[in-house]
Amino acid sequence: MDTQKEEPTGLTTIYIAEGILRAMVIQGVLESGGIPAVLSYEAASRAIPVTVGKIGRVRVLVPIEWEKEAQLLLEAKPLKGKVFAVPPNVAVQS
C-alpha cells in the first residue's frame, strides 16, 4: 500500500475514507469491478489506530484512465434486493 502524501504519477484520488477498514471496502469494490486501486495514508495511522481526523483519512487512488469508470461504480445505486452500498461518512471525490 502506498504511504506517500502526494499522488503518485498516473493515479488520482477517487475516494477519501475515515479509517483503513472503510477504505479497504472501497478498494475491494473497485477491484471486484476490474478497476485497479491502491490506498494512501499517513504512516502514523498504522502505528496509532486513529480513524478520525487527518491521521485517520485514507485516500483510495485509481489510475487516471480508470477515473470515470471508478466514479460510476461508486455512484451506482444498489440493485433491488442487494444490500451493498458505499459506507456512510465518507467523501467521494468529484
N, C-alpha and C. Protein backbone atom coordinates (compact mmCIF):
# COMPACT_ATOMS: atom_id res chain seq x y z
N MET A 1 0.83 -1.18 0.00
CA MET A 1 0.00 0.00 0.00
C MET A 1 0.88 1.24 0.00
N ASP A 2 0.45 2.21 -0.73
CA ASP A 2 1.20 3.45 -0.86
C ASP A 2 1.03 4.31 0.38
N THR A 3 2.15 4.83 0.91
CA THR A 3 2.06 5.68 2.09
C THR A 3 2.50 7.11 1.80
N GLN A 4 2.65 7.49 0.54
CA GLN A 4 3.08 8.83 0.19
C GLN A 4 1.94 9.82 0.34
N LYS A 5 2.31 11.08 0.65
CA LYS A 5 1.31 12.14 0.77
C LYS A 5 0.86 12.62 -0.60
N GLU A 6 1.80 12.79 -1.54
CA GLU A 6 1.45 13.25 -2.88
C GLU A 6 0.93 12.07 -3.69
N GLU A 7 0.08 12.39 -4.66
CA GLU A 7 -0.42 11.34 -5.53
C GLU A 7 0.68 10.91 -6.47
N PRO A 8 0.91 9.60 -6.55
CA PRO A 8 1.91 9.11 -7.49
C PRO A 8 1.49 9.45 -8.93
N THR A 9 2.46 9.58 -9.80
CA THR A 9 2.19 9.89 -11.19
C THR A 9 1.26 8.85 -11.79
N GLY A 10 0.25 9.32 -12.49
CA GLY A 10 -0.67 8.42 -13.17
C GLY A 10 -1.85 7.96 -12.34
N LEU A 11 -1.90 8.38 -11.06
CA LEU A 11 -3.01 7.99 -10.19
C LEU A 11 -3.80 9.22 -9.76
N THR A 12 -5.06 9.02 -9.44
CA THR A 12 -5.91 10.10 -8.96
C THR A 12 -6.74 9.60 -7.77
N THR A 13 -6.99 10.49 -6.83
CA THR A 13 -7.80 10.14 -5.66
C THR A 13 -9.26 10.09 -6.09
N ILE A 14 -9.89 8.96 -5.84
CA ILE A 14 -11.29 8.77 -6.21
C ILE A 14 -12.19 8.78 -4.99
N TYR A 15 -11.60 8.57 -3.81
CA TYR A 15 -12.40 8.40 -2.59
C TYR A 15 -11.54 8.70 -1.38
N ILE A 16 -12.12 9.33 -0.37
CA ILE A 16 -11.42 9.55 0.90
C ILE A 16 -12.29 8.96 1.99
N ALA A 17 -11.72 8.04 2.76
CA ALA A 17 -12.46 7.37 3.82
C ALA A 17 -11.87 7.73 5.17
N GLU A 18 -12.69 7.65 6.20
CA GLU A 18 -12.23 7.83 7.57
C GLU A 18 -11.91 6.44 8.11
N GLY A 19 -10.66 6.05 8.05
CA GLY A 19 -10.24 4.76 8.57
C GLY A 19 -9.90 3.76 7.47
N ILE A 20 -8.94 2.91 7.79
CA ILE A 20 -8.42 1.93 6.84
C ILE A 20 -9.47 0.90 6.43
N LEU A 21 -10.32 0.47 7.36
CA LEU A 21 -11.30 -0.57 7.02
C LEU A 21 -12.29 -0.11 5.96
N ARG A 22 -12.80 1.10 6.10
CA ARG A 22 -13.72 1.62 5.08
C ARG A 22 -13.01 1.76 3.74
N ALA A 23 -11.78 2.22 3.77
CA ALA A 23 -11.03 2.36 2.53
C ALA A 23 -10.80 1.01 1.87
N MET A 24 -10.55 -0.02 2.67
CA MET A 24 -10.33 -1.35 2.13
C MET A 24 -11.61 -1.91 1.49
N VAL A 25 -12.76 -1.56 2.05
CA VAL A 25 -14.03 -1.97 1.44
C VAL A 25 -14.16 -1.35 0.06
N ILE A 26 -13.89 -0.06 -0.04
CA ILE A 26 -13.99 0.64 -1.32
C ILE A 26 -12.98 0.07 -2.31
N GLN A 27 -11.76 -0.18 -1.85
CA GLN A 27 -10.74 -0.78 -2.70
C GLN A 27 -11.24 -2.13 -3.23
N GLY A 28 -11.83 -2.92 -2.36
CA GLY A 28 -12.35 -4.22 -2.77
C GLY A 28 -13.47 -4.11 -3.80
N VAL A 29 -14.35 -3.13 -3.61
CA VAL A 29 -15.44 -2.91 -4.58
C VAL A 29 -14.86 -2.57 -5.94
N LEU A 30 -13.91 -1.65 -5.96
CA LEU A 30 -13.29 -1.26 -7.23
C LEU A 30 -12.59 -2.44 -7.88
N GLU A 31 -11.80 -3.16 -7.11
CA GLU A 31 -11.05 -4.28 -7.67
C GLU A 31 -11.97 -5.40 -8.13
N SER A 32 -13.08 -5.61 -7.44
CA SER A 32 -14.03 -6.64 -7.89
C SER A 32 -14.69 -6.24 -9.20
N GLY A 33 -14.71 -4.94 -9.48
CA GLY A 33 -15.22 -4.43 -10.75
C GLY A 33 -14.15 -4.34 -11.82
N GLY A 34 -12.96 -4.86 -11.53
CA GLY A 34 -11.88 -4.85 -12.51
C GLY A 34 -11.08 -3.56 -12.56
N ILE A 35 -11.26 -2.70 -11.57
CA ILE A 35 -10.57 -1.41 -11.54
C ILE A 35 -9.44 -1.48 -10.52
N PRO A 36 -8.18 -1.32 -10.96
CA PRO A 36 -7.08 -1.36 -10.00
C PRO A 36 -7.15 -0.18 -9.04
N ALA A 37 -6.85 -0.44 -7.77
CA ALA A 37 -6.92 0.62 -6.75
C ALA A 37 -5.84 0.39 -5.70
N VAL A 38 -5.30 1.49 -5.18
CA VAL A 38 -4.33 1.44 -4.09
C VAL A 38 -4.76 2.42 -3.01
N LEU A 39 -4.27 2.20 -1.81
CA LEU A 39 -4.59 3.06 -0.68
C LEU A 39 -3.39 3.93 -0.33
N SER A 40 -3.66 5.15 0.10
CA SER A 40 -2.62 6.08 0.52
C SER A 40 -3.05 6.67 1.86
N TYR A 41 -2.15 6.60 2.85
CA TYR A 41 -2.50 7.07 4.19
C TYR A 41 -1.24 7.49 4.92
N GLU A 42 -1.42 8.22 6.01
CA GLU A 42 -0.31 8.64 6.84
C GLU A 42 0.31 7.40 7.49
N ALA A 43 1.61 7.30 7.47
CA ALA A 43 2.28 6.15 8.07
C ALA A 43 1.95 6.02 9.56
N ALA A 44 1.73 7.14 10.23
CA ALA A 44 1.43 7.10 11.67
C ALA A 44 0.10 6.41 11.95
N SER A 45 -0.81 6.39 10.98
CA SER A 45 -2.11 5.78 11.22
C SER A 45 -2.02 4.27 11.40
N ARG A 46 -0.94 3.66 10.95
CA ARG A 46 -0.75 2.22 11.15
C ARG A 46 -0.24 1.95 12.57
N ALA A 47 0.53 2.87 13.12
CA ALA A 47 1.07 2.70 14.47
C ALA A 47 0.08 3.15 15.54
N ILE A 48 -0.66 4.20 15.22
CA ILE A 48 -1.66 4.75 16.15
C ILE A 48 -3.02 4.53 15.50
N PRO A 49 -3.81 3.57 15.98
CA PRO A 49 -5.08 3.25 15.31
C PRO A 49 -6.14 4.33 15.48
N VAL A 50 -6.01 5.39 14.70
CA VAL A 50 -6.95 6.51 14.73
C VAL A 50 -7.80 6.43 13.47
N THR A 51 -9.11 6.62 13.61
CA THR A 51 -9.98 6.55 12.43
C THR A 51 -10.66 7.87 12.12
N VAL A 52 -10.30 8.94 12.82
CA VAL A 52 -10.89 10.25 12.55
C VAL A 52 -9.79 11.28 12.38
N GLY A 53 -10.13 12.39 11.77
CA GLY A 53 -9.17 13.46 11.58
C GLY A 53 -8.19 13.16 10.47
N LYS A 54 -7.22 14.05 10.34
CA LYS A 54 -6.25 13.95 9.25
C LYS A 54 -5.48 12.63 9.28
N ILE A 55 -5.09 12.18 10.45
CA ILE A 55 -4.32 10.93 10.54
C ILE A 55 -5.16 9.75 10.11
N GLY A 56 -6.45 9.77 10.38
CA GLY A 56 -7.32 8.65 10.06
C GLY A 56 -7.80 8.60 8.62
N ARG A 57 -7.53 9.64 7.84
CA ARG A 57 -8.00 9.67 6.45
C ARG A 57 -7.18 8.74 5.58
N VAL A 58 -7.88 8.01 4.74
CA VAL A 58 -7.23 7.11 3.79
C VAL A 58 -7.77 7.44 2.41
N ARG A 59 -6.86 7.71 1.49
CA ARG A 59 -7.26 8.01 0.11
C ARG A 59 -7.23 6.73 -0.72
N VAL A 60 -8.25 6.55 -1.53
CA VAL A 60 -8.29 5.44 -2.48
C VAL A 60 -7.95 6.02 -3.84
N LEU A 61 -6.90 5.50 -4.45
CA LEU A 61 -6.42 6.02 -5.72
C LEU A 61 -6.61 4.98 -6.82
N VAL A 62 -6.92 5.47 -8.02
CA VAL A 62 -7.04 4.62 -9.19
C VAL A 62 -6.22 5.25 -10.32
N PRO A 63 -5.84 4.46 -11.32
CA PRO A 63 -5.17 5.05 -12.48
C PRO A 63 -6.09 6.09 -13.14
N ILE A 64 -5.50 7.17 -13.62
CA ILE A 64 -6.27 8.26 -14.21
C ILE A 64 -7.21 7.75 -15.30
N GLU A 65 -6.76 6.80 -16.09
CA GLU A 65 -7.59 6.30 -17.18
C GLU A 65 -8.81 5.50 -16.69
N TRP A 66 -8.84 5.13 -15.41
CA TRP A 66 -9.97 4.40 -14.83
C TRP A 66 -10.87 5.30 -13.99
N GLU A 67 -10.57 6.60 -13.91
CA GLU A 67 -11.30 7.50 -13.03
C GLU A 67 -12.80 7.52 -13.30
N LYS A 68 -13.21 7.68 -14.54
CA LYS A 68 -14.63 7.77 -14.86
C LYS A 68 -15.36 6.47 -14.49
N GLU A 69 -14.78 5.33 -14.83
CA GLU A 69 -15.40 4.04 -14.51
C GLU A 69 -15.51 3.86 -13.00
N ALA A 70 -14.48 4.28 -12.27
CA ALA A 70 -14.49 4.16 -10.81
C ALA A 70 -15.59 5.03 -10.21
N GLN A 71 -15.73 6.26 -10.69
CA GLN A 71 -16.78 7.15 -10.19
C GLN A 71 -18.16 6.56 -10.46
N LEU A 72 -18.36 6.03 -11.65
CA LEU A 72 -19.65 5.43 -11.99
C LEU A 72 -19.96 4.25 -11.07
N LEU A 73 -18.96 3.43 -10.80
CA LEU A 73 -19.16 2.28 -9.93
C LEU A 73 -19.52 2.72 -8.52
N LEU A 74 -18.81 3.70 -7.99
CA LEU A 74 -19.07 4.15 -6.62
C LEU A 74 -20.38 4.92 -6.48
N GLU A 75 -20.83 5.55 -7.55
CA GLU A 75 -22.07 6.31 -7.52
C GLU A 75 -23.29 5.46 -7.84
N ALA A 76 -23.07 4.23 -8.29
CA ALA A 76 -24.18 3.35 -8.70
C ALA A 76 -25.08 3.03 -7.51
N LYS A 77 -26.36 2.99 -7.78
CA LYS A 77 -27.34 2.61 -6.75
C LYS A 77 -27.33 1.09 -6.64
N PRO A 78 -27.49 0.55 -5.42
CA PRO A 78 -27.55 -0.91 -5.28
C PRO A 78 -28.73 -1.48 -6.08
N LEU A 79 -28.53 -2.67 -6.62
CA LEU A 79 -29.60 -3.35 -7.33
C LEU A 79 -30.69 -3.75 -6.35
N LYS A 80 -31.90 -3.81 -6.82
CA LYS A 80 -33.02 -4.19 -5.96
C LYS A 80 -32.73 -5.55 -5.34
N GLY A 81 -32.90 -5.64 -4.03
CA GLY A 81 -32.66 -6.89 -3.33
C GLY A 81 -31.22 -7.08 -2.87
N LYS A 82 -30.33 -6.15 -3.24
CA LYS A 82 -28.93 -6.24 -2.82
C LYS A 82 -28.73 -5.34 -1.61
N VAL A 83 -27.79 -5.69 -0.76
CA VAL A 83 -27.59 -4.93 0.46
C VAL A 83 -26.38 -4.01 0.43
N PHE A 84 -25.49 -4.14 -0.54
CA PHE A 84 -24.28 -3.33 -0.53
C PHE A 84 -24.57 -1.89 -0.90
N ALA A 85 -23.94 -1.00 -0.19
CA ALA A 85 -23.93 0.42 -0.52
C ALA A 85 -22.61 0.98 0.00
N VAL A 86 -22.17 2.06 -0.57
CA VAL A 86 -20.93 2.70 -0.11
C VAL A 86 -21.12 3.11 1.34
N PRO A 87 -20.13 2.84 2.21
CA PRO A 87 -20.27 3.18 3.62
C PRO A 87 -20.55 4.68 3.82
N PRO A 88 -21.33 5.03 4.85
CA PRO A 88 -21.60 6.44 5.12
C PRO A 88 -20.37 7.15 5.69
N ASN A 89 -20.47 8.46 5.81
CA ASN A 89 -19.43 9.29 6.42
C ASN A 89 -18.12 9.27 5.65
N VAL A 90 -18.21 9.22 4.34
CA VAL A 90 -17.02 9.25 3.51
C VAL A 90 -17.23 10.24 2.39
N ALA A 91 -16.17 10.69 1.80
CA ALA A 91 -16.26 11.67 0.73
C ALA A 91 -15.87 11.03 -0.59
N VAL A 92 -16.70 11.18 -1.58
CA VAL A 92 -16.38 10.73 -2.92
C VAL A 92 -15.85 11.94 -3.67
N GLN A 93 -14.67 11.80 -4.25
CA GLN A 93 -14.08 12.90 -5.00
C GLN A 93 -14.81 13.10 -6.32
N SER A 94 -15.01 14.34 -6.71
CA SER A 94 -15.67 14.63 -8.00
C SER A 94 -14.67 15.16 -8.97
